[in-house]
Amino acid sequence: MSDAQAVERIREIITLADALAGDFRHVREDFERLNRELRVRLMDDETGRGEVLERLFAGVDVIAESEAGRTFSAFWRLLTDPEQSATLDDSLDRIMSRRFASQLPVKDRRFLIGLTRTLLAQGGLVHEALQQFAASLKSFVQSREYLEQRRINNLLKEAQRTALALKDEIRATEALGYTLPLTSSRLTSVSQWSLYDPSLEAPPKPMRDADIPGIALESVAELVAQSEIDFRGLKANIRAVLEERSPASVAEVLDCHPASQGLGSVVGYLALGSRHGVLAGGDEIVEWTGSDDQLRRAKIPAIYFLRERVHELV
């Protein structure tokens, strides 16, 4: 073979090898089509377990056993077999060492040197797609998802048959008297989202020491009176009432000395009565005015303070 014939033959091989990429795409498309067809057969098969189901449950990789799957598997074994792959690499090296190889463009020489690597990369993509389709089909069957798809498919077919049966009885413009509520969702693109940028937020201002306010003893007493029960004042009120009458109930003490602390005063009288008073049995009604100027009323146990025990209220 002359150098010119050898160069022409090499260019034919390069053209064929370059066309393999397109062939790989066709193989992937065949696998996608086969995957869809198998799923359709699973949904349309009205029998309990059809041929596809039987083979899948038996552990057969239906996609890999198809014609396209067997053809690609054979080609993949050729590329991944160590002996055959080494033979291909050796043949390429011998071709590149021939005298006519220097007449090839640099692009063609690089293509021949990396031919095995290119074919493995392209075949790896197809092999990965083959495995994914087979795994997804197996998961589709094992999860019984095809049963729900078959049920929905049957419902749609039944609705179509019913609509065809009524097409001559009901006109397209005739009102049915039925409102079908439609659901909707707002779809937005991920590109419309705005990421949070902390640098756009103003840093918090440092805390400064507050000015020390002036406060009088009267203000301190008022704050204490609002937070604690003034038992000293309550005892003085009880002693003042017992000088005029004995016994005296909590309600009678409140009549003479209204509750300055609201409910707190009532609770204070009950606490003092439990220690220094007499529980007479029964209930009585007490009234007081809260800080919001609202009159309130409560039922409490009837407790009486005695003049004989006034020394306990010192």
Protein backbone atom coordinates (compact mmCIF):
# COMPACT_ATOMS: atom_id res chain seq x y z
CA MET A 1 0.00 0.00 0.00
CA SER A 2 1.40 3.36 -0.99
CA ASP A 3 1.66 6.25 1.45
CA ALA A 4 -1.22 8.08 -0.26
CA GLN A 5 -3.46 5.01 0.01
CA ALA A 6 -2.48 4.53 3.64
CA VAL A 7 -3.30 8.18 4.48
CA GLU A 8 -6.66 7.84 2.74
CA ARG A 9 -7.44 4.65 4.65
CA ILE A 10 -6.47 6.31 7.96
CA ARG A 11 -8.78 9.24 7.24
CA GLU A 12 -11.63 6.79 6.64
CA ILE A 13 -10.91 5.19 10.02
CA ILE A 14 -10.86 8.61 11.68
CA THR A 15 -14.21 9.46 10.06
CA LEU A 16 -15.72 6.18 11.29
CA ALA A 17 -14.33 6.67 14.82
CA ASP A 18 -15.55 10.25 14.92
CA ALA A 19 -19.03 9.06 13.92
CA LEU A 20 -19.09 6.74 16.95
CA ALA A 21 -19.98 9.72 19.16
CA GLY A 22 -23.17 10.17 17.18
CA ASP A 23 -23.79 6.43 17.37
CA PHE A 24 -23.46 6.60 21.16
CA ARG A 25 -26.11 9.32 21.25
CA HIS A 26 -28.41 7.11 19.18
CA VAL A 27 -27.80 4.25 21.61
CA ARG A 28 -28.74 6.47 24.56
CA GLU A 29 -31.88 7.54 22.71
CA ASP A 30 -32.70 3.86 22.08
CA PHE A 31 -32.35 3.15 25.80
CA GLU A 32 -34.63 6.11 26.66
CA ARG A 33 -37.22 4.94 24.13
CA LEU A 34 -37.00 1.37 25.44
CA ASN A 35 -37.39 2.58 29.03
CA ARG A 36 -40.54 4.54 28.11
CA GLU A 37 -41.97 1.63 26.13
CA LEU A 38 -41.44 -0.80 29.02
CA ARG A 39 -43.18 1.57 31.45
CA VAL A 40 -46.10 1.97 29.04
CA ARG A 41 -46.37 -1.81 28.72
CA LEU A 42 -46.40 -2.14 32.50
CA MET A 43 -49.25 0.37 32.79
CA ASP A 44 -51.27 -0.95 29.84
CA ASP A 45 -50.93 -4.64 30.73
CA GLU A 46 -54.29 -5.53 32.27
CA THR A 47 -53.22 -9.02 33.23
CA GLY A 48 -51.92 -9.56 36.71
CA ARG A 49 -48.30 -10.16 35.75
CA GLY A 50 -47.31 -9.68 32.14
CA GLU A 51 -44.19 -10.75 30.33
CA VAL A 52 -42.21 -7.69 31.39
CA LEU A 53 -43.20 -8.12 35.03
CA GLU A 54 -42.38 -11.81 34.97
CA ARG A 55 -38.89 -11.13 33.64
CA LEU A 56 -38.27 -8.25 36.04
CA PHE A 57 -39.40 -10.25 39.06
CA ALA A 58 -37.18 -13.08 37.87
CA GLY A 59 -34.20 -10.74 38.09
CA VAL A 60 -33.71 -10.24 34.36
CA ASP A 61 -32.26 -6.87 33.30
CA VAL A 62 -34.76 -6.23 30.52
CA ILE A 63 -32.98 -3.18 29.11
CA ALA A 64 -29.56 -4.84 29.09
CA GLU A 65 -31.04 -7.93 27.40
CA SER A 66 -32.58 -5.91 24.58
CA GLU A 67 -30.98 -5.81 21.12
CA ALA A 68 -29.49 -2.36 21.70
CA GLY A 69 -28.31 -3.40 25.15
CA ARG A 70 -26.58 -6.57 23.92
CA THR A 71 -24.90 -4.69 21.04
CA PHE A 72 -23.53 -2.00 23.31
CA SER A 73 -22.50 -4.51 25.99
CA ALA A 74 -20.39 -6.34 23.39
CA PHE A 75 -18.74 -3.11 22.30
CA TRP A 76 -18.16 -2.12 25.94
CA ARG A 77 -16.49 -5.45 26.66
CA LEU A 78 -14.20 -4.84 23.69
CA LEU A 79 -13.07 -1.52 25.17
CA THR A 80 -12.72 -2.75 28.75
CA ASP A 81 -11.10 -6.09 28.00
CA PRO A 82 -7.39 -5.68 28.94
CA GLU A 83 -6.08 -7.91 26.14
CA GLN A 84 -8.17 -6.48 23.34
CA SER A 85 -7.66 -2.92 24.58
CA ALA A 86 -3.89 -3.49 24.65
CA THR A 87 -4.04 -4.86 21.09
CA LEU A 88 -5.90 -1.75 19.93
CA ASP A 89 -3.37 0.55 21.60
CA ASP A 90 -0.48 -1.40 20.09
CA SER A 91 -2.01 -1.18 16.63
CA LEU A 92 -2.43 2.56 16.97
CA ASP A 93 1.18 2.93 18.10
CA ARG A 94 2.43 0.95 15.08
CA ILE A 95 0.35 3.09 12.71
CA MET A 96 1.69 6.32 14.25
CA SER A 97 5.27 5.02 13.80
CA ARG A 98 4.85 4.52 10.03
CA ARG A 99 6.36 6.98 7.59
CA PHE A 100 3.00 8.11 6.13
CA ALA A 101 1.73 9.19 9.59
CA SER A 102 3.82 12.35 9.32
CA GLN A 103 1.61 13.44 6.41
CA LEU A 104 -1.48 13.56 8.66
CA PRO A 105 -2.57 16.89 10.18
CA VAL A 106 -1.73 17.46 13.85
CA LYS A 107 -5.44 17.25 14.76
CA ASP A 108 -5.80 13.80 13.18
CA ARG A 109 -2.65 12.50 14.90
CA ARG A 110 -3.91 13.69 18.28
CA PHE A 111 -7.27 12.06 17.59
CA LEU A 112 -5.63 8.69 16.83
CA ILE A 113 -3.39 8.87 19.90
CA GLY A 114 -6.38 9.50 22.20
CA LEU A 115 -8.85 7.27 20.32
CA THR A 116 -9.07 4.61 23.05
CA ARG A 117 -9.51 7.22 25.78
CA THR A 118 -12.21 9.02 23.75
CA LEU A 119 -14.13 5.81 23.08
CA LEU A 120 -13.97 4.83 26.76
CA ALA A 121 -15.26 8.26 27.83
CA GLN A 122 -18.15 8.20 25.36
CA GLY A 123 -18.95 4.58 26.12
CA GLY A 124 -18.82 5.29 29.86
CA LEU A 125 -21.61 7.85 29.47
CA VAL A 126 -23.76 5.32 27.63
CA HIS A 127 -22.95 2.60 30.15
CA GLU A 128 -23.94 4.91 33.04
CA ALA A 129 -27.21 5.77 31.28
CA LEU A 130 -27.87 2.06 30.72
CA GLN A 131 -27.35 1.31 34.42
CA GLN A 132 -29.57 4.23 35.48
CA PHE A 133 -32.43 3.21 33.20
CA ALA A 134 -32.23 -0.40 34.38
CA ALA A 135 -32.11 0.64 38.07
CA SER A 136 -34.99 3.12 37.70
CA LEU A 137 -37.15 0.52 35.93
CA LYS A 138 -36.40 -2.02 38.65
CA SER A 139 -37.24 0.51 41.37
CA PHE A 140 -40.41 1.46 39.45
CA VAL A 141 -41.58 -2.16 39.64
CA GLN A 142 -40.40 -3.03 43.17
CA SER A 143 -41.99 0.08 44.70
CA ARG A 144 -45.31 -0.86 43.08
CA GLU A 145 -45.43 2.63 41.61
CA TYR A 146 -46.60 1.16 38.32
CA LEU A 147 -49.84 0.06 40.03
CA GLU A 148 -50.71 3.66 40.92
CA GLN A 149 -49.77 4.77 37.40
CA ARG A 150 -51.94 2.00 35.99
CA ARG A 151 -54.85 3.08 38.20
CA ILE A 152 -54.56 6.69 37.03
CA ASN A 153 -54.28 5.53 33.43
CA ASN A 154 -57.44 3.44 33.78
CA LEU A 155 -59.31 6.39 35.33
CA LEU A 156 -58.33 8.61 32.42
CA LYS A 157 -59.43 6.01 29.90
CA GLU A 158 -62.73 5.54 31.73
CA ALA A 159 -63.31 9.32 31.69
CA GLN A 160 -62.59 9.39 27.95
CA ARG A 161 -65.01 6.53 27.29
CA THR A 162 -67.71 8.26 29.35
CA ALA A 163 -67.14 11.53 27.51
CA LEU A 164 -67.40 9.79 24.14
CA ALA A 165 -70.64 8.10 25.22
CA LEU A 166 -72.18 11.47 26.19
CA LYS A 167 -70.92 13.51 23.26
CA ASP A 168 -74.17 13.06 21.32
CA GLU A 169 -76.42 13.79 24.32
CA ILE A 170 -74.79 16.95 25.68
CA ARG A 171 -73.75 19.85 23.49
CA ALA A 172 -70.37 21.44 24.01
CA THR A 173 -72.01 24.80 24.86
CA GLU A 174 -74.59 23.36 27.27
CA ALA A 175 -74.26 24.41 30.93
CA LEU A 176 -73.65 21.46 33.25
CA GLY A 177 -74.43 23.22 36.53
CA TYR A 178 -71.19 22.02 38.06
CA THR A 179 -68.20 24.08 39.18
CA LEU A 180 -64.82 22.41 39.09
CA PRO A 181 -62.38 24.06 41.50
CA LEU A 182 -58.92 24.25 40.00
CA THR A 183 -55.75 24.29 42.01
CA SER A 184 -52.90 26.54 41.11
CA SER A 185 -49.39 27.21 42.29
CA ARG A 186 -47.07 30.11 41.74
CA LEU A 187 -43.97 29.00 39.88
CA THR A 188 -40.82 31.05 39.96
CA SER A 189 -37.40 30.52 38.51
CA VAL A 190 -34.41 29.85 40.72
CA SER A 191 -32.65 32.71 38.95
CA GLN A 192 -35.21 35.11 40.45
CA TRP A 193 -34.15 34.30 43.99
CA SER A 194 -31.89 36.79 45.70
CA LEU A 195 -29.23 35.50 48.03
CA TYR A 196 -28.80 36.97 51.48
CA ASP A 197 -25.78 39.27 51.59
CA PRO A 198 -24.74 40.08 55.18
CA SER A 199 -22.62 42.98 53.95
CA LEU A 200 -25.76 44.85 52.90
CA GLU A 201 -27.09 44.89 56.45
CA ALA A 202 -25.95 47.77 58.63
CA PRO A 203 -23.88 46.53 61.59
CA PRO A 204 -25.59 46.98 64.96
CA LYS A 205 -24.62 50.08 66.86
CA PRO A 206 -22.64 49.49 70.04
CA MET A 207 -24.59 49.79 73.29
CA ARG A 208 -23.87 52.93 75.27
CA ASP A 209 -24.20 53.45 78.98
CA ALA A 210 -27.46 55.03 79.99
CA ASP A 211 -27.56 58.21 82.00
CA ILE A 212 -27.97 57.65 85.73
CA PRO A 213 -31.39 59.06 86.68
CA GLY A 214 -32.03 60.79 89.95
CA ILE A 215 -34.52 59.00 92.22
CA ALA A 216 -36.15 60.02 95.48
CA LEU A 217 -36.96 57.88 98.50
CA GLU A 218 -40.65 58.31 97.75
CA SER A 219 -40.14 56.72 94.32
CA VAL A 220 -38.27 53.80 95.88
CA ALA A 221 -41.11 53.23 98.33
CA GLU A 222 -43.62 53.32 95.49
CA LEU A 223 -41.65 50.73 93.51
CA VAL A 224 -41.42 48.47 96.56
CA ALA A 225 -45.13 48.86 97.16
CA GLN A 226 -45.87 47.75 93.60
CA SER A 227 -43.68 44.67 93.82
CA GLU A 228 -44.18 43.48 97.41
CA ILE A 229 -47.16 43.24 99.77
CA ASP A 230 -47.10 45.91 102.45
CA PHE A 231 -47.76 43.64 105.46
CA ARG A 232 -46.80 46.43 107.88
CA GLY A 233 -49.51 48.68 106.51
CA LEU A 234 -52.06 45.83 106.48
CA LYS A 235 -51.35 45.03 110.14
CA ALA A 236 -51.85 48.70 111.05
CA ASN A 237 -55.22 48.71 109.24
CA ILE A 238 -56.35 45.58 111.12
CA ARG A 239 -55.31 47.07 114.50
CA ALA A 240 -57.19 50.30 113.72
CA VAL A 241 -60.39 48.38 112.91
CA LEU A 242 -60.09 46.15 116.02
CA GLU A 243 -59.98 49.27 118.22
CA GLU A 244 -63.54 50.03 117.08
CA ARG A 245 -65.00 46.53 116.68
CA SER A 246 -64.18 42.91 117.37
CA PRO A 247 -64.32 40.54 115.63
CA ALA A 248 -63.67 42.04 112.19
CA SER A 249 -63.68 40.13 108.91
CA VAL A 250 -61.47 40.77 105.91
CA ALA A 251 -64.38 42.40 104.08
CA GLU A 252 -64.98 44.76 107.01
CA VAL A 253 -61.29 45.74 107.08
CA LEU A 254 -61.43 46.45 103.34
CA ASP A 255 -64.55 48.59 103.83
CA CYS A 256 -62.66 50.78 106.26
CA HIS A 257 -59.32 50.68 104.45
CA PRO A 258 -59.59 50.10 100.68
CA ALA A 259 -57.00 47.83 99.08
CA SER A 260 -54.10 50.12 98.15
CA GLN A 261 -52.31 47.28 96.34
CA GLY A 262 -55.37 45.80 94.72
CA LEU A 263 -55.39 42.01 94.72
CA GLY A 264 -52.08 42.06 96.58
CA SER A 265 -53.80 43.63 99.60
CA VAL A 266 -56.53 40.96 99.56
CA VAL A 267 -53.92 38.19 99.39
CA GLY A 268 -52.02 39.86 102.23
CA TYR A 269 -55.12 39.96 104.48
CA LEU A 270 -55.76 36.27 103.74
CA ALA A 271 -52.15 35.41 104.62
CA LEU A 272 -52.37 37.33 107.91
CA GLY A 273 -55.77 35.79 108.70
CA SER A 274 -54.42 32.26 108.18
CA ARG A 275 -51.78 32.95 110.85
CA HIS A 276 -53.47 35.37 113.27
CA GLY A 277 -57.20 35.06 112.56
CA VAL A 278 -60.03 32.59 113.08
CA LEU A 279 -61.57 30.62 110.23
CA ALA A 280 -65.33 30.82 110.90
CA GLY A 281 -66.52 28.61 108.05
CA GLY A 282 -68.44 29.78 105.04
CA ASP A 283 -67.53 32.44 102.49
CA GLU A 284 -67.79 36.19 102.10
CA ILE A 285 -67.53 38.62 99.19
CA VAL A 286 -64.76 41.22 99.08
CA GLU A 287 -64.40 44.13 96.66
CA TRP A 288 -61.45 46.26 95.59
CA THR A 289 -60.47 48.66 92.80
CA GLY A 290 -57.52 47.70 90.62
CA SER A 291 -54.83 49.94 89.15
CA ASP A 292 -57.01 50.28 86.03
CA ASP A 293 -59.84 51.78 88.15
CA GLN A 294 -62.00 48.71 87.55
CA LEU A 295 -64.05 47.38 90.44
CA ARG A 296 -63.42 43.71 91.10
CA ARG A 297 -65.08 41.18 93.37
CA ALA A 298 -64.03 37.78 94.75
CA LYS A 299 -65.35 35.10 97.11
CA ILE A 300 -62.96 34.23 99.92
CA PRO A 301 -63.17 32.09 103.08
CA ALA A 302 -64.73 33.95 106.04
CA ILE A 303 -61.80 34.86 108.33
CA TYR A 304 -62.17 37.05 111.46
CA PHE A 305 -59.55 39.00 113.38
CA LEU A 306 -60.00 39.18 117.22
CA ARG A 307 -59.05 42.00 119.61
CA GLU A 308 -57.66 39.41 122.01
CA ARG A 309 -54.95 38.53 119.45
CA VAL A 310 -54.12 42.08 118.38
CA HIS A 311 -50.71 41.74 120.05
CA GLU A 312 -49.77 39.24 117.33
CA LEU A 313 -50.16 41.95 114.68
CA VAL A 314 -47.42 44.20 116.02
